[in-house]
Protein backbone atom coordinates (compact mmCIF):
# COMPACT_ATOMS: atom_id res chain seq x y z
CA TYR A 1 -41.01 19.24 -27.46
CA ALA A 2 -38.68 20.08 -30.32
CA GLY A 3 -35.24 21.52 -29.59
CA ALA A 4 -33.09 21.47 -26.49
CA PHE A 5 -34.66 21.76 -23.08
CA GLU A 6 -33.95 20.81 -19.48
CA LEU A 7 -36.26 18.54 -17.52
CA ALA A 8 -36.40 19.15 -13.76
CA TYR A 9 -38.17 16.95 -11.25
CA GLU A 10 -38.47 16.74 -7.49
CA TRP A 11 -38.03 13.53 -5.53
CA LEU A 12 -39.41 13.47 -2.00
CA ALA A 13 -38.27 10.47 0.02
CA PRO A 14 -40.80 9.79 2.78
CA ASP A 15 -39.71 10.76 6.30
CA GLN A 16 -36.46 12.36 5.08
CA TRP A 17 -35.60 16.05 5.23
CA ASN A 18 -34.71 17.58 1.87
CA GLU A 19 -32.61 20.74 2.09
CA VAL A 20 -31.38 23.31 -0.40
CA PRO A 21 -29.25 26.37 0.43
CA LEU A 22 -30.74 29.72 -0.56
CA ALA A 23 -27.80 31.95 0.42
CA ALA A 24 -25.09 32.08 3.07
CA GLY A 25 -27.00 31.55 6.29
CA ALA A 26 -30.34 30.67 4.68
CA SER A 27 -31.90 27.36 3.69
CA TRP A 28 -35.19 25.78 2.69
CA GLN A 29 -36.09 22.35 4.02
CA ARG A 30 -39.04 20.13 3.26
CA LEU A 31 -40.26 17.03 5.06
CA ARG A 32 -43.07 14.71 4.02
CA THR A 33 -43.99 12.15 6.65
CA SER A 34 -45.64 8.88 5.68
CA SER A 35 -47.77 8.02 8.71
CA PRO A 36 -49.75 10.15 8.70
CA VAL A 37 -48.96 11.88 5.42
CA GLN A 38 -48.01 15.46 6.21
CA THR A 39 -45.79 18.02 4.46
CA TYR A 40 -43.72 20.69 6.20
CA ASN A 41 -41.73 23.57 4.68
CA VAL A 42 -39.11 25.26 6.87
CA ILE A 43 -37.19 28.39 5.84
CA THR A 44 -34.33 29.25 8.22
CA ALA A 45 -32.25 32.44 8.18
CA ASP A 46 -29.27 33.53 10.25
CA LEU A 47 -29.72 37.31 10.16
CA SER A 48 -26.16 37.86 11.37
CA GLN A 49 -25.04 36.76 7.87
CA GLY A 50 -26.34 39.98 6.35
CA LEU A 51 -29.83 38.69 5.65
CA GLU A 52 -32.98 40.71 6.30
CA LEU A 53 -36.40 39.70 7.52
CA GLN A 54 -38.59 42.08 5.54
CA PRO A 55 -42.34 42.54 5.96
CA ALA A 56 -43.96 43.89 2.81
CA ARG A 57 -47.27 45.70 2.47
CA HIS A 58 -48.06 44.68 -1.07
CA SER A 59 -50.66 46.37 -3.20
CA GLY A 60 -54.20 45.09 -2.97
CA CYS A 61 -54.68 41.33 -2.95
CA GLN A 62 -51.34 40.46 -4.53
CA THR A 63 -50.21 36.88 -3.88
CA VAL A 64 -47.00 35.95 -2.09
CA ALA A 65 -45.71 34.42 -5.31
CA ALA A 66 -46.13 37.77 -7.05
CA ALA A 67 -44.91 39.93 -4.17
CA ALA A 68 -41.77 38.00 -3.19
CA PRO A 69 -39.81 38.46 -6.44
CA SER A 70 -40.75 42.15 -6.59
CA ILE A 71 -38.72 42.83 -3.43
CA GLY A 72 -35.93 40.39 -4.31
CA ALA A 73 -36.93 37.89 -1.63
CA LEU A 74 -35.06 34.60 -1.28
CA ALA A 75 -38.26 33.13 0.15
CA GLY A 76 -41.55 34.29 1.61
CA VAL A 77 -44.69 33.29 3.46
CA ASN A 78 -48.08 34.92 3.94
CA ALA A 79 -48.15 36.89 7.20
CA ASN A 80 -51.09 39.02 8.36
CA TYR A 81 -54.75 38.25 8.46
CA PHE A 82 -56.62 40.54 6.09
CA GLN A 83 -60.01 41.81 4.99
CA ALA A 84 -61.06 39.63 2.07
CA GLY A 85 -63.04 41.42 -0.59
CA SER A 86 -62.13 44.92 0.53
CA GLY A 87 -58.70 45.51 -0.91
CA CYS A 88 -57.17 42.86 1.36
CA SER A 89 -56.22 45.45 4.00
CA THR A 90 -54.35 43.95 6.96
CA THR A 91 -56.16 43.45 10.27
CA ASP A 92 -53.10 42.83 12.48
CA LEU A 93 -50.07 44.87 13.48
CA LEU A 94 -47.91 45.69 10.47
CA ARG A 95 -44.89 47.99 10.66
CA VAL A 96 -42.61 48.24 7.63
CA ASP A 97 -39.36 50.22 7.87
CA GLY A 98 -40.74 52.40 10.66
CA VAL A 99 -44.12 53.05 9.03
CA LEU A 100 -47.24 51.79 10.81
CA HIS A 101 -49.80 50.34 8.40
CA SER A 102 -52.24 48.64 10.79
CA THR A 103 -52.69 47.49 14.38
CA ASN A 104 -53.93 44.28 15.95
CA GLY A 105 -57.65 43.65 15.77
CA SER A 106 -58.24 40.15 14.40
CA VAL A 107 -58.91 38.18 17.57
CA VAL A 108 -62.39 38.50 19.06
CA ASP A 109 -63.90 36.41 21.87
CA GLY A 110 -67.45 35.09 22.09
CA ALA A 111 -68.65 38.29 23.71
CA GLY A 112 -67.32 40.42 20.86
CA THR A 113 -64.34 41.78 22.81
CA VAL A 114 -61.23 42.41 20.70
CA LEU A 115 -58.29 40.69 22.42
CA SER A 116 -54.57 41.33 22.61
CA GLN A 117 -52.25 39.46 20.23
CA ARG A 118 -48.69 38.24 20.60
CA SER A 119 -46.58 39.99 17.99
CA ALA A 120 -43.03 39.87 16.62
CA GLY A 121 -40.90 43.00 16.21
CA TRP A 122 -37.33 43.72 15.18
CA ASN A 123 -34.84 46.34 14.03
CA GLY A 124 -32.57 45.84 11.01
CA ASN A 125 -31.04 42.39 11.07
CA GLY A 126 -31.57 41.96 14.80
CA VAL A 127 -33.29 38.86 16.16
CA PRO A 128 -37.06 39.42 16.55
CA SER A 129 -38.53 39.82 20.01
CA PHE A 130 -42.06 38.85 20.97
CA GLN A 131 -44.65 40.53 23.17
CA TRP A 132 -48.38 40.76 23.75
CA LEU A 133 -49.90 43.97 22.41
CA ASN A 134 -53.36 45.37 23.04
CA PRO A 135 -55.68 45.98 20.08
CA GLY A 136 -55.00 49.31 18.44
CA SER A 137 -51.51 49.61 20.00
CA ASP A 138 -48.39 50.54 18.06
CA TRP A 139 -44.88 49.23 18.82
CA PRO A 140 -42.80 52.32 18.05
CA SER A 141 -39.51 50.95 19.42
CA VAL A 142 -39.18 48.54 16.48
CA ALA A 143 -38.91 49.32 12.77
CA ASP A 144 -40.65 46.16 11.57
CA ALA A 145 -43.40 44.13 13.19
CA VAL A 146 -46.21 41.70 12.48
CA GLY A 147 -49.08 40.62 14.67
CA GLY A 148 -49.95 36.96 14.99
CA TYR A 149 -52.41 34.41 16.30
CA PRO A 150 -52.18 32.22 18.26
CA SER A 151 -49.07 32.40 20.43
CA LEU A 152 -47.47 28.99 19.79
CA VAL A 153 -44.21 28.79 21.76
CA GLU A 154 -43.20 31.13 24.58
CA GLY A 155 -39.85 30.83 26.33
CA GLY A 156 -39.42 27.30 24.99
CA THR A 157 -42.83 26.13 26.22
CA PRO A 158 -45.32 25.03 23.55
CA LEU A 159 -48.82 26.35 24.18
CA ALA A 160 -51.30 27.43 21.55
CA ALA A 161 -52.53 30.44 23.51
CA VAL A 162 -55.34 32.88 22.72
CA GLN A 163 -54.23 35.04 25.69
CA PRO A 164 -51.21 34.73 28.01
CA GLY A 165 -51.37 31.26 29.53
CA GLN A 166 -54.85 30.56 28.13
CA GLN A 167 -55.18 27.75 25.61
CA VAL A 168 -57.09 28.34 22.38
CA TRP A 169 -60.71 27.27 22.29
CA SER A 170 -62.00 27.91 18.76
CA SER A 171 -63.08 25.04 16.52
CA THR A 172 -60.65 26.25 13.82
CA ASP A 173 -57.76 25.77 16.24
CA TRP A 174 -58.90 22.30 17.29
CA THR A 175 -59.38 20.93 13.77
CA ALA A 176 -56.66 20.02 11.28
CA ASN A 177 -55.83 22.91 8.95
CA PRO A 178 -52.91 24.33 6.98
CA ARG A 179 -50.73 26.41 9.33
CA THR A 180 -48.08 29.16 9.11
CA ALA A 181 -45.65 30.32 11.81
CA LEU A 182 -42.83 32.77 12.48
CA GLY A 183 -40.36 31.81 15.19
CA VAL A 184 -36.83 31.95 16.53
CA ASN A 185 -34.80 28.85 17.39
CA ALA A 186 -32.23 28.25 20.13
CA ALA A 187 -29.44 29.50 17.85
CA GLY A 188 -31.21 32.84 17.37
CA HIS A 189 -32.11 32.10 13.75
CA VAL A 190 -35.42 33.18 12.24
CA VAL A 191 -37.63 30.28 11.15
CA LEU A 192 -40.64 30.50 8.82
CA VAL A 193 -42.81 27.38 8.71
CA THR A 194 -45.78 26.21 6.68
CA VAL A 195 -47.75 22.98 7.06
CA ASP A 196 -49.78 21.71 4.13
CA GLY A 197 -53.42 20.81 4.69
CA ARG A 198 -56.68 19.79 3.03
CA THR A 199 -54.77 17.99 0.23
CA ALA A 200 -53.11 14.66 -0.50
CA ALA A 201 -49.91 16.26 0.85
CA GLY A 202 -51.45 16.30 4.32
CA SER A 203 -54.62 17.11 6.24
CA GLY A 204 -52.94 19.78 8.37
CA LEU A 205 -52.52 20.14 12.13
CA THR A 206 -54.42 21.52 15.08
CA SER A 207 -52.89 24.63 16.63
CA SER A 208 -51.88 22.63 19.69
CA SER A 209 -50.17 19.92 17.62
CA PHE A 210 -48.43 22.60 15.56
CA ALA A 211 -47.09 24.27 18.72
CA ASN A 212 -45.73 20.96 20.00
CA TRP A 213 -44.10 20.16 16.65
CA LEU A 214 -42.40 23.55 16.44
CA SER A 215 -40.96 23.08 19.91
CA THR A 216 -39.90 19.45 19.76
CA GLU A 217 -38.86 19.08 16.10
CA LEU A 218 -37.48 22.54 15.31
CA ASN A 219 -36.37 23.56 18.83
CA LEU A 220 -38.10 26.93 18.57
CA ILE A 221 -37.87 29.12 21.66
CA ASN A 222 -40.56 31.58 20.59
CA ALA A 223 -43.17 31.38 17.84
CA ILE A 224 -46.45 32.92 16.76
CA GLY A 225 -49.00 31.74 14.25
CA LEU A 226 -49.61 33.74 11.08
CA ASP A 227 -52.57 33.62 8.72
CA GLY A 228 -53.14 29.96 7.86
CA GLY A 229 -55.88 27.93 6.23
CA GLY A 230 -56.34 28.83 2.58
CA SER A 231 -53.82 31.66 3.02
CA THR A 232 -50.92 29.37 3.98
CA THR A 233 -48.26 29.90 1.33
CA ALA A 234 -44.51 29.30 1.11
CA VAL A 235 -42.67 30.67 -1.91
CA VAL A 236 -39.05 30.10 -2.95
CA PRO A 237 -38.62 31.92 -6.30
CA ASP A 238 -36.74 30.03 -9.03
CA CYS A 239 -35.70 27.24 -6.68
CA TRP A 240 -35.76 23.47 -7.02
CA LEU A 241 -34.79 21.02 -4.33
CA SER A 242 -31.36 19.53 -5.08
CA ASP A 243 -30.97 22.20 -7.81
């Protein structure tokens, strides 16, 4: 190309964490393991540093890459499950700044019964709390909330659970897929995680393996799964590892 330009490239050393600061109290880390090949993205935020965990009900089927910059996000992941092909309306609990947009209703058993879902809720820059909520239930004591599936870590114990204490049973959970999670670590920091899958960057993880990894590698005390598979997305606008 004619004229002056800057060439940027990314070097990923196998089995080594790469980290770049996003702001005071926030960082993005990436790990690519070599045996087996698997890629992990971890976004960590200490909300006591003035950071905010902000759910966003974007318009229609807008991507995370398009939605994150529009709200000035340092980073973002896809959260709720949604109705594909019908305006992408959310099918889990979503509260944004005190406004209820939807309630839990994504998880259905073999008999067609809609099940409860473990959800995360918080106020301002407080640390999220987690609780099981029945389908159709609001969580009015929190300003912001998202519903999840499955429950991955509860009180420091890893268990991919479809209901309290009951391990997942679906074939999607027991096959390797891209995964997304929202959790809190032992320091009280919010952690957003994505695991690549179905590509040369990694085949993905089962829900059970993901739960164990979140607990043992990231020391998460509580965590829920978010919409994974083809929806798994991590976005860090205008950011390159090692600048």
